[in-house]
Every structure is written in structure tokens, then in C-alpha cells.
Amino acid sequence: MVHVQALRAGWARLQSLRAALQALTAAGKVTLAYLEQAGNKEYFLATACSAIVLAPSATLNLLGLRAEVLFFKGALARLGVQAELEAVGEYKTAAEPFTRDGMSPAHREALEALLDDLYAQFLDALATGRRLSLAQMRERCDQGPYTAVQALAAGLVDHLAYPDDVEALLAAQAGRPLRPLPALAALRPTPAAPFWGGGAR
């Protein structure tokens, strides 16, 4: 079971974590994600598991993606500072927050293209994880956010349960009682390796 809580990781790290969970699921292991509250990132990770359990009091906040850019030209002007930065090319926009009060058309175009690509990857991953078509997943995301009951009815999650009930749910899926294993006991001690090399090879 993966207990997914509020995630602050970037999308690249989430994609790596999701790939690891997918590999575990593909290897035939029963993987279950438990969500107490979920937004885009938490749900993205959870869809790599074979089943998703959402707390009955939770909401599933599929709200799309957005980006924010801060512009400092006005603040710098109040301090008597004028930024002198050069940009070589229309789409070289790194200096714009210091030299403009808002986005240039090229900056907006580049940012929207990036968001469109990321959102396409996001929808594709969700659709694959929930075994839905891309059109079905896009429609469900457009209708968010969801209460827990609505998320279950839409097929976005598999069960509604509180943490105390998840163990019974896992036991039912496994077909036998579960035997909890402390995480540290599952780690095998490895012999300490010398700091510089390991001898003759």
C-alpha cells in the first residue's frame, strides 16, 4: 500500500516515482494507493497502482494545470533600479520578469506550449492507469473537482474507505490475513564496504 499525501515534488520526480510503481504493478504485485485528499499530483502518482482508495470525506481536485510568472520591473523601479539585460532572439524570455510588466506574446506562446505538452502527458498517464480512453479521461478532468462519492461513480477511484478499513480491504484482495512486517525488518544488512575501493578485483 502506498499512502499518498500532499506532494510538493516536481513533475520530473513524480514521473520517476510513477514509473517505479508501474514496474511493481506490471510485475504482478498488488499495489494500492490510499488518498486522504488528492490533487493533480497525488492522483497522477496513484494511477500507477492497481487500485485506488479514497477517504470518504475527501475531495479529488482535478483542476488542470497552470503556471505563474512574477514580474519585478515595477518593484525595481520603486527602488530606483533599472535592469539592463539583453535577450538574443524572440523566445529568449528569461530576462522578461526584470524588464517587462507582463508577458510578451512569445513568452505566453512558449509557456502555453509547455503546459499543453505536460497536460497531454498527464491525461495520457491517467487514462492508461484507469483503463479509460483519452477522451473519457479528458471529459472527467474537465468536470472536476469531485467529492469522494462522485469520484467513485465516475470510475476515478476503486473504493472509499478510512485508513482503519484499508487493511481489511487488502486482506480481502490477497485472500488471506495480512501479517504486518516492520519496514526495517525487511531490509537486509549489507556488509560495510571500504571507503576507497574493495581490494583486488
N, C-alpha and C. Protein backbone atom coordinates (compact mmCIF):
# COMPACT_ATOMS: atom_id res chain seq x y z
N MET A 1 0.84 -1.18 0.00
CA MET A 1 0.00 0.00 0.00
C MET A 1 0.88 1.24 0.00
N VAL A 2 0.52 2.20 -0.82
CA VAL A 2 1.23 3.47 -0.89
C VAL A 2 0.29 4.53 -0.36
N HIS A 3 0.67 5.14 0.76
CA HIS A 3 -0.15 6.20 1.35
C HIS A 3 0.35 7.52 0.75
N VAL A 4 -0.43 8.06 -0.18
CA VAL A 4 -0.02 9.27 -0.90
C VAL A 4 -0.61 10.48 -0.19
N GLN A 5 0.28 11.33 0.32
CA GLN A 5 -0.14 12.56 0.98
C GLN A 5 0.25 13.75 0.12
N ALA A 6 0.05 14.95 0.62
CA ALA A 6 0.33 16.17 -0.16
C ALA A 6 1.74 16.13 -0.71
N LEU A 7 1.88 16.25 -2.02
CA LEU A 7 3.17 16.16 -2.69
C LEU A 7 3.64 17.52 -3.15
N ARG A 8 4.90 17.82 -2.86
CA ARG A 8 5.50 19.08 -3.32
C ARG A 8 6.57 18.82 -4.38
N ALA A 9 6.72 17.57 -4.75
CA ALA A 9 7.75 17.22 -5.73
C ALA A 9 7.41 17.79 -7.10
N GLY A 10 8.44 17.99 -7.91
CA GLY A 10 8.24 18.45 -9.27
C GLY A 10 7.75 17.31 -10.16
N TRP A 11 7.31 17.67 -11.38
CA TRP A 11 6.74 16.66 -12.27
C TRP A 11 7.76 15.62 -12.71
N ALA A 12 9.01 15.98 -12.88
CA ALA A 12 10.02 15.01 -13.30
C ALA A 12 10.20 13.93 -12.23
N ARG A 13 10.28 14.35 -10.98
CA ARG A 13 10.43 13.38 -9.89
C ARG A 13 9.18 12.51 -9.78
N LEU A 14 8.01 13.11 -9.94
CA LEU A 14 6.76 12.33 -9.88
C LEU A 14 6.71 11.29 -11.00
N GLN A 15 7.18 11.66 -12.19
CA GLN A 15 7.19 10.70 -13.29
C GLN A 15 8.11 9.53 -12.98
N SER A 16 9.24 9.79 -12.32
CA SER A 16 10.15 8.70 -11.94
C SER A 16 9.51 7.79 -10.90
N LEU A 17 8.88 8.39 -9.89
CA LEU A 17 8.19 7.59 -8.87
C LEU A 17 7.07 6.77 -9.49
N ARG A 18 6.34 7.39 -10.39
CA ARG A 18 5.22 6.70 -11.03
C ARG A 18 5.72 5.52 -11.86
N ALA A 19 6.84 5.69 -12.56
CA ALA A 19 7.42 4.61 -13.36
C ALA A 19 7.82 3.44 -12.47
N ALA A 20 8.36 3.73 -11.28
CA ALA A 20 8.74 2.66 -10.35
C ALA A 20 7.51 1.91 -9.85
N LEU A 21 6.44 2.63 -9.55
CA LEU A 21 5.20 1.98 -9.13
C LEU A 21 4.60 1.15 -10.26
N GLN A 22 4.67 1.66 -11.49
CA GLN A 22 4.15 0.92 -12.64
C GLN A 22 4.91 -0.39 -12.83
N ALA A 23 6.23 -0.33 -12.63
CA ALA A 23 7.04 -1.54 -12.78
C ALA A 23 6.64 -2.58 -11.74
N LEU A 24 6.36 -2.14 -10.53
CA LEU A 24 5.92 -3.05 -9.47
C LEU A 24 4.57 -3.67 -9.82
N THR A 25 3.66 -2.86 -10.31
CA THR A 25 2.34 -3.33 -10.70
C THR A 25 2.45 -4.30 -11.88
N ALA A 26 3.30 -3.95 -12.86
CA ALA A 26 3.49 -4.80 -14.04
C ALA A 26 4.12 -6.14 -13.68
N ALA A 27 4.86 -6.19 -12.57
CA ALA A 27 5.48 -7.44 -12.13
C ALA A 27 4.48 -8.37 -11.44
N GLY A 28 3.21 -7.96 -11.40
CA GLY A 28 2.18 -8.82 -10.83
C GLY A 28 1.90 -8.56 -9.37
N LYS A 29 2.53 -7.55 -8.79
CA LYS A 29 2.28 -7.24 -7.38
C LYS A 29 1.00 -6.42 -7.26
N VAL A 30 0.23 -6.69 -6.22
CA VAL A 30 -0.97 -5.90 -5.96
C VAL A 30 -0.52 -4.60 -5.31
N THR A 31 -0.77 -3.50 -5.97
CA THR A 31 -0.38 -2.19 -5.43
C THR A 31 -1.65 -1.39 -5.20
N LEU A 32 -1.71 -0.76 -4.06
CA LEU A 32 -2.90 0.01 -3.70
C LEU A 32 -2.45 1.38 -3.22
N ALA A 33 -3.07 2.41 -3.75
CA ALA A 33 -2.77 3.78 -3.32
C ALA A 33 -3.90 4.26 -2.42
N TYR A 34 -3.52 4.83 -1.28
CA TYR A 34 -4.53 5.40 -0.38
C TYR A 34 -4.39 6.91 -0.38
N LEU A 35 -5.50 7.60 -0.67
CA LEU A 35 -5.52 9.05 -0.74
C LEU A 35 -6.44 9.62 0.32
N GLU A 36 -5.91 10.44 1.21
CA GLU A 36 -6.76 11.13 2.19
C GLU A 36 -7.34 12.40 1.57
N GLN A 37 -6.63 12.98 0.66
CA GLN A 37 -7.02 14.18 -0.07
C GLN A 37 -6.15 14.19 -1.32
N ALA A 38 -6.69 14.55 -2.47
CA ALA A 38 -5.86 14.43 -3.67
C ALA A 38 -6.08 15.58 -4.63
N GLY A 39 -4.97 16.04 -5.17
CA GLY A 39 -4.96 17.00 -6.26
C GLY A 39 -4.36 16.31 -7.47
N ASN A 40 -3.94 17.10 -8.45
CA ASN A 40 -3.38 16.54 -9.68
C ASN A 40 -2.18 15.62 -9.43
N LYS A 41 -1.24 16.09 -8.62
CA LYS A 41 0.00 15.33 -8.42
C LYS A 41 -0.24 14.02 -7.68
N GLU A 42 -1.04 14.08 -6.63
CA GLU A 42 -1.31 12.88 -5.83
C GLU A 42 -2.05 11.84 -6.68
N TYR A 43 -3.02 12.30 -7.46
CA TYR A 43 -3.80 11.37 -8.28
C TYR A 43 -2.94 10.81 -9.41
N PHE A 44 -2.08 11.63 -9.99
CA PHE A 44 -1.15 11.19 -11.03
C PHE A 44 -0.31 10.01 -10.54
N LEU A 45 0.22 10.13 -9.33
CA LEU A 45 1.02 9.05 -8.76
C LEU A 45 0.17 7.83 -8.46
N ALA A 46 -1.01 8.05 -7.90
CA ALA A 46 -1.88 6.94 -7.50
C ALA A 46 -2.34 6.09 -8.68
N THR A 47 -2.48 6.69 -9.86
CA THR A 47 -2.98 5.93 -11.01
C THR A 47 -1.99 4.89 -11.53
N ALA A 48 -0.79 4.86 -10.98
CA ALA A 48 0.17 3.82 -11.34
C ALA A 48 -0.12 2.52 -10.59
N CYS A 49 -0.97 2.59 -9.58
CA CYS A 49 -1.28 1.42 -8.76
C CYS A 49 -2.45 0.64 -9.36
N SER A 50 -2.59 -0.61 -8.92
CA SER A 50 -3.67 -1.44 -9.45
C SER A 50 -5.03 -1.07 -8.87
N ALA A 51 -5.05 -0.37 -7.74
CA ALA A 51 -6.31 0.08 -7.15
C ALA A 51 -6.07 1.38 -6.38
N ILE A 52 -7.11 2.21 -6.33
CA ILE A 52 -7.03 3.48 -5.61
C ILE A 52 -8.16 3.53 -4.59
N VAL A 53 -7.80 3.84 -3.34
CA VAL A 53 -8.77 4.00 -2.27
C VAL A 53 -8.75 5.46 -1.84
N LEU A 54 -9.92 6.07 -1.76
CA LEU A 54 -10.06 7.47 -1.37
C LEU A 54 -10.85 7.54 -0.07
N ALA A 55 -10.42 8.41 0.83
CA ALA A 55 -11.17 8.60 2.08
C ALA A 55 -12.56 9.13 1.75
N PRO A 56 -13.61 8.62 2.41
CA PRO A 56 -14.98 9.06 2.12
C PRO A 56 -15.22 10.55 2.31
N SER A 57 -14.42 11.19 3.15
CA SER A 57 -14.60 12.63 3.40
C SER A 57 -13.73 13.50 2.51
N ALA A 58 -12.99 12.88 1.60
CA ALA A 58 -12.02 13.61 0.77
C ALA A 58 -12.66 14.19 -0.47
N THR A 59 -11.89 15.03 -1.14
CA THR A 59 -12.26 15.51 -2.47
C THR A 59 -11.12 15.17 -3.41
N LEU A 60 -11.47 14.94 -4.67
CA LEU A 60 -10.48 14.69 -5.71
C LEU A 60 -10.45 15.94 -6.58
N ASN A 61 -9.40 16.72 -6.43
CA ASN A 61 -9.31 18.03 -7.07
C ASN A 61 -8.54 17.97 -8.38
N LEU A 62 -9.19 17.49 -9.41
CA LEU A 62 -8.61 17.51 -10.75
C LEU A 62 -8.97 18.85 -11.37
N LEU A 63 -8.03 19.76 -11.39
CA LEU A 63 -8.32 21.14 -11.77
C LEU A 63 -7.53 21.63 -12.97
N GLY A 64 -6.82 20.77 -13.63
CA GLY A 64 -5.99 21.22 -14.75
C GLY A 64 -4.66 21.76 -14.26
N LEU A 65 -3.86 22.24 -15.19
CA LEU A 65 -2.53 22.75 -14.87
C LEU A 65 -2.47 24.26 -15.11
N ARG A 66 -1.59 24.91 -14.39
CA ARG A 66 -1.42 26.35 -14.57
C ARG A 66 0.04 26.70 -14.31
N ALA A 67 0.40 27.89 -14.74
CA ALA A 67 1.75 28.40 -14.49
C ALA A 67 1.65 29.86 -14.09
N GLU A 68 2.56 30.29 -13.26
CA GLU A 68 2.60 31.69 -12.82
C GLU A 68 3.98 32.26 -13.10
N VAL A 69 3.99 33.50 -13.51
CA VAL A 69 5.26 34.21 -13.73
C VAL A 69 5.18 35.53 -12.97
N LEU A 70 6.18 35.81 -12.16
CA LEU A 70 6.25 37.07 -11.42
C LEU A 70 7.07 38.09 -12.22
N PHE A 71 6.60 39.32 -12.23
CA PHE A 71 7.31 40.39 -12.92
C PHE A 71 7.73 41.43 -11.89
N PHE A 72 9.02 41.81 -11.94
CA PHE A 72 9.61 42.66 -10.91
C PHE A 72 9.95 44.07 -11.38
N LYS A 73 9.68 44.40 -12.63
CA LYS A 73 10.09 45.70 -13.16
C LYS A 73 9.54 46.85 -12.32
N GLY A 74 8.26 46.78 -11.96
CA GLY A 74 7.65 47.85 -11.16
C GLY A 74 8.27 47.95 -9.78
N ALA A 75 8.52 46.80 -9.14
CA ALA A 75 9.12 46.80 -7.80
C ALA A 75 10.54 47.37 -7.86
N LEU A 76 11.28 47.00 -8.90
CA LEU A 76 12.64 47.51 -9.04
C LEU A 76 12.63 49.02 -9.28
N ALA A 77 11.64 49.49 -10.05
CA ALA A 77 11.53 50.93 -10.33
C ALA A 77 11.29 51.72 -9.05
N ARG A 78 10.52 51.17 -8.13
CA ARG A 78 10.28 51.85 -6.85
C ARG A 78 11.56 51.99 -6.03
N LEU A 79 12.49 51.08 -6.26
CA LEU A 79 13.77 51.12 -5.56
C LEU A 79 14.80 51.94 -6.33
N GLY A 80 14.38 52.44 -7.50
CA GLY A 80 15.30 53.23 -8.31
C GLY A 80 16.27 52.37 -9.11
N VAL A 81 15.89 51.12 -9.35
CA VAL A 81 16.76 50.20 -10.08
C VAL A 81 16.14 49.91 -11.44
N GLN A 82 16.98 49.99 -12.46
CA GLN A 82 16.53 49.63 -13.80
C GLN A 82 17.41 48.49 -14.30
N ALA A 83 16.80 47.35 -14.58
CA ALA A 83 17.56 46.19 -15.05
C ALA A 83 17.99 46.39 -16.49
N GLU A 84 19.24 46.07 -16.76
CA GLU A 84 19.76 46.15 -18.12
C GLU A 84 20.20 44.76 -18.54
N LEU A 85 19.32 44.08 -19.24
CA LEU A 85 19.57 42.70 -19.67
C LEU A 85 19.30 42.59 -21.16
N GLU A 86 20.07 41.77 -21.82
CA GLU A 86 19.90 41.57 -23.25
C GLU A 86 19.33 40.18 -23.51
N ALA A 87 18.48 40.09 -24.53
CA ALA A 87 17.95 38.79 -24.97
C ALA A 87 18.23 38.65 -26.45
N VAL A 88 18.83 37.54 -26.83
CA VAL A 88 19.15 37.30 -28.24
C VAL A 88 18.09 36.34 -28.78
N GLY A 89 17.10 36.87 -29.45
CA GLY A 89 16.04 36.03 -30.00
C GLY A 89 14.71 36.29 -29.33
N GLU A 90 13.65 36.11 -30.09
CA GLU A 90 12.30 36.43 -29.63
C GLU A 90 11.86 35.57 -28.46
N TYR A 91 12.29 34.32 -28.45
CA TYR A 91 11.82 33.38 -27.42
C TYR A 91 12.77 33.25 -26.24
N LYS A 92 13.79 34.08 -26.19
CA LYS A 92 14.69 34.10 -25.04
C LYS A 92 14.09 35.04 -24.00
N THR A 93 13.28 34.48 -23.11
CA THR A 93 12.44 35.31 -22.24
C THR A 93 12.88 35.33 -20.78
N ALA A 94 14.04 34.80 -20.48
CA ALA A 94 14.48 34.73 -19.08
C ALA A 94 14.59 36.11 -18.43
N ALA A 95 14.90 37.12 -19.20
CA ALA A 95 15.07 38.47 -18.65
C ALA A 95 13.74 39.21 -18.47
N GLU A 96 12.68 38.74 -19.09
CA GLU A 96 11.41 39.48 -19.09
C GLU A 96 10.87 39.84 -17.70
N PRO A 97 10.98 38.96 -16.70
CA PRO A 97 10.46 39.35 -15.39
C PRO A 97 11.11 40.62 -14.83
N PHE A 98 12.31 40.96 -15.31
CA PHE A 98 13.01 42.13 -14.81
C PHE A 98 12.89 43.35 -15.72
N THR A 99 12.44 43.11 -16.96
CA THR A 99 12.41 44.20 -17.93
C THR A 99 11.01 44.53 -18.45
N ARG A 100 10.01 43.75 -18.07
CA ARG A 100 8.65 43.97 -18.56
C ARG A 100 7.66 43.93 -17.39
N ASP A 101 6.46 44.45 -17.64
CA ASP A 101 5.38 44.39 -16.64
C ASP A 101 4.46 43.21 -16.88
N GLY A 102 4.59 42.53 -17.99
CA GLY A 102 3.74 41.38 -18.33
C GLY A 102 4.40 40.55 -19.42
N MET A 103 3.74 39.45 -19.78
CA MET A 103 4.32 38.53 -20.76
C MET A 103 4.30 39.12 -22.16
N SER A 104 5.35 38.84 -22.89
CA SER A 104 5.35 39.14 -24.32
C SER A 104 4.56 38.02 -25.01
N PRO A 105 4.08 38.25 -26.23
CA PRO A 105 3.37 37.18 -26.95
C PRO A 105 4.22 35.91 -27.10
N ALA A 106 5.50 36.05 -27.32
CA ALA A 106 6.38 34.89 -27.46
C ALA A 106 6.49 34.12 -26.15
N HIS A 107 6.59 34.84 -25.04
CA HIS A 107 6.67 34.22 -23.72
C HIS A 107 5.39 33.43 -23.44
N ARG A 108 4.24 34.04 -23.70
CA ARG A 108 2.95 33.36 -23.48
C ARG A 108 2.83 32.12 -24.36
N GLU A 109 3.24 32.25 -25.62
CA GLU A 109 3.17 31.12 -26.55
C GLU A 109 4.02 29.94 -26.07
N ALA A 110 5.25 30.25 -25.63
CA ALA A 110 6.15 29.19 -25.16
C ALA A 110 5.61 28.53 -23.90
N LEU A 111 5.10 29.32 -22.98
CA LEU A 111 4.56 28.78 -21.73
C LEU A 111 3.32 27.93 -21.97
N GLU A 112 2.45 28.38 -22.86
CA GLU A 112 1.24 27.61 -23.18
C GLU A 112 1.60 26.30 -23.88
N ALA A 113 2.61 26.32 -24.75
CA ALA A 113 3.05 25.09 -25.43
C ALA A 113 3.58 24.09 -24.41
N LEU A 114 4.35 24.58 -23.43
CA LEU A 114 4.88 23.72 -22.38
C LEU A 114 3.75 23.11 -21.55
N LEU A 115 2.78 23.94 -21.16
CA LEU A 115 1.65 23.44 -20.38
C LEU A 115 0.81 22.45 -21.17
N ASP A 116 0.58 22.73 -22.44
CA ASP A 116 -0.19 21.82 -23.28
C ASP A 116 0.47 20.45 -23.37
N ASP A 117 1.81 20.44 -23.53
CA ASP A 117 2.54 19.18 -23.61
C ASP A 117 2.48 18.42 -22.29
N LEU A 118 2.68 19.12 -21.19
CA LEU A 118 2.63 18.49 -19.88
C LEU A 118 1.22 17.95 -19.58
N TYR A 119 0.20 18.70 -19.95
CA TYR A 119 -1.17 18.26 -19.71
C TYR A 119 -1.52 17.04 -20.57
N ALA A 120 -1.00 16.99 -21.79
CA ALA A 120 -1.22 15.82 -22.65
C ALA A 120 -0.59 14.57 -22.03
N GLN A 121 0.62 14.72 -21.47
CA GLN A 121 1.28 13.60 -20.79
C GLN A 121 0.48 13.18 -19.55
N PHE A 122 0.01 14.17 -18.82
CA PHE A 122 -0.78 13.95 -17.60
C PHE A 122 -2.05 13.15 -17.93
N LEU A 123 -2.80 13.60 -18.95
CA LEU A 123 -4.04 12.92 -19.33
C LEU A 123 -3.77 11.50 -19.82
N ASP A 124 -2.72 11.34 -20.61
CA ASP A 124 -2.37 10.02 -21.13
C ASP A 124 -2.05 9.05 -20.00
N ALA A 125 -1.29 9.52 -19.02
CA ALA A 125 -0.94 8.66 -17.88
C ALA A 125 -2.18 8.28 -17.08
N LEU A 126 -3.06 9.24 -16.83
CA LEU A 126 -4.29 8.96 -16.07
C LEU A 126 -5.18 7.99 -16.83
N ALA A 127 -5.34 8.21 -18.13
CA ALA A 127 -6.20 7.34 -18.94
C ALA A 127 -5.67 5.92 -18.95
N THR A 128 -4.36 5.77 -19.10
CA THR A 128 -3.75 4.43 -19.10
C THR A 128 -3.92 3.76 -17.74
N GLY A 129 -3.66 4.52 -16.68
CA GLY A 129 -3.76 3.96 -15.33
C GLY A 129 -5.17 3.54 -14.96
N ARG A 130 -6.17 4.27 -15.43
CA ARG A 130 -7.57 3.97 -15.09
C ARG A 130 -8.27 3.17 -16.18
N ARG A 131 -7.53 2.77 -17.23
CA ARG A 131 -8.07 1.98 -18.32
C ARG A 131 -9.28 2.67 -18.96
N LEU A 132 -9.10 3.95 -19.26
CA LEU A 132 -10.11 4.76 -19.94
C LEU A 132 -9.52 5.30 -21.23
N SER A 133 -10.37 5.69 -22.15
CA SER A 133 -9.87 6.34 -23.36
C SER A 133 -9.41 7.76 -23.00
N LEU A 134 -8.61 8.33 -23.86
CA LEU A 134 -8.12 9.68 -23.63
C LEU A 134 -9.28 10.67 -23.58
N ALA A 135 -10.27 10.48 -24.46
CA ALA A 135 -11.43 11.36 -24.48
C ALA A 135 -12.24 11.26 -23.19
N GLN A 136 -12.39 10.03 -22.68
CA GLN A 136 -13.11 9.84 -21.42
C GLN A 136 -12.39 10.51 -20.25
N MET A 137 -11.06 10.38 -20.24
CA MET A 137 -10.28 10.97 -19.15
C MET A 137 -10.32 12.49 -19.22
N ARG A 138 -10.23 13.04 -20.44
CA ARG A 138 -10.29 14.49 -20.61
C ARG A 138 -11.64 15.02 -20.11
N GLU A 139 -12.71 14.31 -20.44
CA GLU A 139 -14.05 14.72 -20.01
C GLU A 139 -14.16 14.70 -18.49
N ARG A 140 -13.59 13.67 -17.86
CA ARG A 140 -13.66 13.58 -16.40
C ARG A 140 -12.84 14.69 -15.74
N CYS A 141 -11.69 15.00 -16.31
CA CYS A 141 -10.87 16.08 -15.75
C CYS A 141 -11.57 17.43 -15.92
N ASP A 142 -12.26 17.60 -17.03
CA ASP A 142 -12.98 18.86 -17.27
C ASP A 142 -14.12 19.06 -16.29
N GLN A 143 -14.65 17.97 -15.72
CA GLN A 143 -15.80 18.06 -14.82
C GLN A 143 -15.40 18.16 -13.35
N GLY A 144 -14.09 18.11 -13.04
CA GLY A 144 -13.64 18.17 -11.66
C GLY A 144 -13.85 19.55 -11.06
N PRO A 145 -13.73 19.68 -9.75
CA PRO A 145 -13.34 18.66 -8.77
C PRO A 145 -14.51 17.74 -8.39
N TYR A 146 -14.17 16.66 -7.67
CA TYR A 146 -15.14 15.64 -7.30
C TYR A 146 -15.19 15.43 -5.79
N THR A 147 -16.36 15.13 -5.29
CA THR A 147 -16.46 14.59 -3.93
C THR A 147 -16.03 13.13 -4.03
N ALA A 148 -15.84 12.48 -2.90
CA ALA A 148 -15.43 11.08 -2.91
C ALA A 148 -16.48 10.20 -3.61
N VAL A 149 -17.74 10.43 -3.32
CA VAL A 149 -18.82 9.63 -3.92
C VAL A 149 -18.86 9.85 -5.44
N GLN A 150 -18.69 11.10 -5.88
CA GLN A 150 -18.68 11.39 -7.31
C GLN A 150 -17.47 10.74 -8.00
N ALA A 151 -16.31 10.76 -7.34
CA ALA A 151 -15.10 10.15 -7.90
C ALA A 151 -15.29 8.65 -8.08
N LEU A 152 -15.94 8.01 -7.12
CA LEU A 152 -16.20 6.57 -7.21
C LEU A 152 -17.17 6.29 -8.36
N ALA A 153 -18.23 7.09 -8.46
CA ALA A 153 -19.22 6.90 -9.51
C ALA A 153 -18.63 7.12 -10.90
N ALA A 154 -17.65 8.02 -11.01
CA ALA A 154 -17.01 8.31 -12.30
C ALA A 154 -15.92 7.30 -12.65
N GLY A 155 -15.64 6.36 -11.76
CA GLY A 155 -14.61 5.36 -12.02
C GLY A 155 -13.20 5.87 -11.85
N LEU A 156 -13.06 6.99 -11.13
CA LEU A 156 -11.73 7.55 -10.90
C LEU A 156 -11.02 6.89 -9.73
N VAL A 157 -11.77 6.29 -8.83
CA VAL A 157 -11.21 5.52 -7.70
C VAL A 157 -11.97 4.20 -7.62
N ASP A 158 -11.38 3.24 -6.89
CA ASP A 158 -11.99 1.91 -6.80
C ASP A 158 -12.77 1.67 -5.52
N HIS A 159 -12.37 2.33 -4.44
CA HIS A 159 -13.02 2.11 -3.15
C HIS A 159 -13.01 3.40 -2.35
N LEU A 160 -13.96 3.51 -1.43
CA LEU A 160 -13.95 4.58 -0.43
C LEU A 160 -13.78 3.92 0.92
N ALA A 161 -12.77 4.34 1.67
CA ALA A 161 -12.51 3.72 2.97
C ALA A 161 -11.62 4.63 3.80
N TYR A 162 -11.74 4.49 5.11
CA TYR A 162 -10.83 5.18 6.03
C TYR A 162 -9.63 4.28 6.29
N PRO A 163 -8.53 4.82 6.81
CA PRO A 163 -7.31 4.03 6.99
C PRO A 163 -7.52 2.72 7.75
N ASP A 164 -8.39 2.74 8.76
CA ASP A 164 -8.61 1.53 9.55
C ASP A 164 -9.20 0.39 8.71
N ASP A 165 -9.92 0.73 7.65
CA ASP A 165 -10.58 -0.29 6.84
C ASP A 165 -9.72 -0.79 5.69
N VAL A 166 -8.61 -0.11 5.42
CA VAL A 166 -7.78 -0.47 4.28
C VAL A 166 -7.13 -1.83 4.47
N GLU A 167 -6.70 -2.16 5.70
CA GLU A 167 -6.06 -3.45 5.94
C GLU A 167 -7.02 -4.60 5.62
N ALA A 168 -8.28 -4.46 6.01
CA ALA A 168 -9.28 -5.49 5.71
C ALA A 168 -9.49 -5.60 4.20
N LEU A 169 -9.45 -4.47 3.53
CA LEU A 169 -9.62 -4.45 2.08
C LEU A 169 -8.46 -5.17 1.39
N LEU A 170 -7.25 -4.92 1.87
CA LEU A 170 -6.08 -5.60 1.32
C LEU A 170 -6.12 -7.10 1.58
N ALA A 171 -6.55 -7.48 2.77
CA ALA A 171 -6.65 -8.90 3.12
C ALA A 171 -7.66 -9.59 2.21
N ALA A 172 -8.76 -8.91 1.92
CA ALA A 172 -9.78 -9.48 1.03
C ALA A 172 -9.21 -9.67 -0.38
N GLN A 173 -8.41 -8.69 -0.84
CA GLN A 173 -7.81 -8.81 -2.17
C GLN A 173 -6.77 -9.92 -2.20
N ALA A 174 -6.03 -10.08 -1.10
CA ALA A 174 -5.00 -11.11 -1.04
C ALA A 174 -5.59 -12.49 -0.80
N GLY A 175 -6.79 -12.55 -0.27
CA GLY A 175 -7.43 -13.83 0.01
C GLY A 175 -6.93 -14.49 1.27
N ARG A 176 -6.25 -13.75 2.12
CA ARG A 176 -5.73 -14.29 3.38
C ARG A 176 -5.44 -13.13 4.32
N PRO A 177 -5.34 -13.41 5.63
CA PRO A 177 -5.00 -12.32 6.57
C PRO A 177 -3.59 -11.80 6.30
N LEU A 178 -3.41 -10.53 6.53
CA LEU A 178 -2.10 -9.93 6.32
C LEU A 178 -1.26 -10.01 7.58
N ARG A 179 0.04 -10.17 7.39
CA ARG A 179 0.96 -10.16 8.51
C ARG A 179 1.84 -8.93 8.38
N PRO A 180 1.60 -7.91 9.22
CA PRO A 180 2.40 -6.68 9.11
C PRO A 180 3.88 -6.97 9.29
N LEU A 181 4.69 -6.34 8.50
CA LEU A 181 6.14 -6.50 8.58
C LEU A 181 6.75 -5.12 8.73
N PRO A 182 7.40 -4.86 9.86
CA PRO A 182 8.03 -3.54 10.02
C PRO A 182 9.02 -3.28 8.90
N ALA A 183 9.04 -2.05 8.45
CA ALA A 183 9.88 -1.70 7.30
C ALA A 183 11.34 -2.04 7.53
N LEU A 184 11.86 -1.78 8.72
CA LEU A 184 13.29 -2.02 8.97
C LEU A 184 13.62 -3.50 8.96
N ALA A 185 12.68 -4.34 9.35
CA ALA A 185 12.95 -5.78 9.36
C ALA A 185 13.07 -6.32 7.94
N ALA A 186 12.48 -5.63 6.98
CA ALA A 186 12.53 -6.09 5.59
C ALA A 186 13.86 -5.78 4.94
N LEU A 187 14.66 -4.91 5.55
CA LEU A 187 15.94 -4.55 4.97
C LEU A 187 17.01 -5.52 5.42
N ARG A 188 17.72 -6.07 4.47
CA ARG A 188 18.81 -6.98 4.82
C ARG A 188 20.07 -6.18 5.08
N PRO A 189 20.78 -6.46 6.17
CA PRO A 189 22.03 -5.72 6.39
C PRO A 189 23.05 -6.09 5.32
N THR A 190 23.78 -5.10 4.86
CA THR A 190 24.82 -5.35 3.87
C THR A 190 26.17 -5.09 4.52
N PRO A 191 27.16 -5.90 4.18
CA PRO A 191 28.49 -5.68 4.77
C PRO A 191 29.03 -4.31 4.38
N ALA A 192 29.68 -3.67 5.34
CA ALA A 192 30.22 -2.33 5.08
C ALA A 192 31.35 -2.43 4.06
N ALA A 193 31.29 -1.59 3.06
CA ALA A 193 32.34 -1.57 2.03
C ALA A 193 33.41 -0.58 2.43
N PRO A 194 34.66 -0.87 2.11
CA PRO A 194 35.73 0.11 2.41
C PRO A 194 35.46 1.39 1.65
N PHE A 195 35.92 2.49 2.23
CA PHE A 195 35.66 3.79 1.61
C PHE A 195 36.33 3.90 0.26
N TRP A 196 37.60 3.48 0.18
CA TRP A 196 38.32 3.55 -1.10
C TRP A 196 38.46 2.16 -1.68
N GLY A 197 37.58 1.80 -2.58
CA GLY A 197 37.73 0.52 -3.31
C GLY A 197 37.42 -0.67 -2.42
N GLY A 198 37.46 -1.84 -3.03
CA GLY A 198 37.14 -3.07 -2.32
C GLY A 198 38.20 -4.12 -2.46
N GLY A 199 39.43 -3.75 -2.61
CA GLY A 199 40.50 -4.75 -2.72
C GLY A 199 40.70 -5.17 -4.16
N ALA A 200 41.42 -6.28 -4.33
CA ALA A 200 41.76 -6.77 -5.67
C ALA A 200 40.49 -7.23 -6.39
N ARG A 201 40.46 -7.00 -7.68
CA ARG A 201 39.29 -7.41 -8.48
C ARG A 201 39.78 -8.11 -9.73
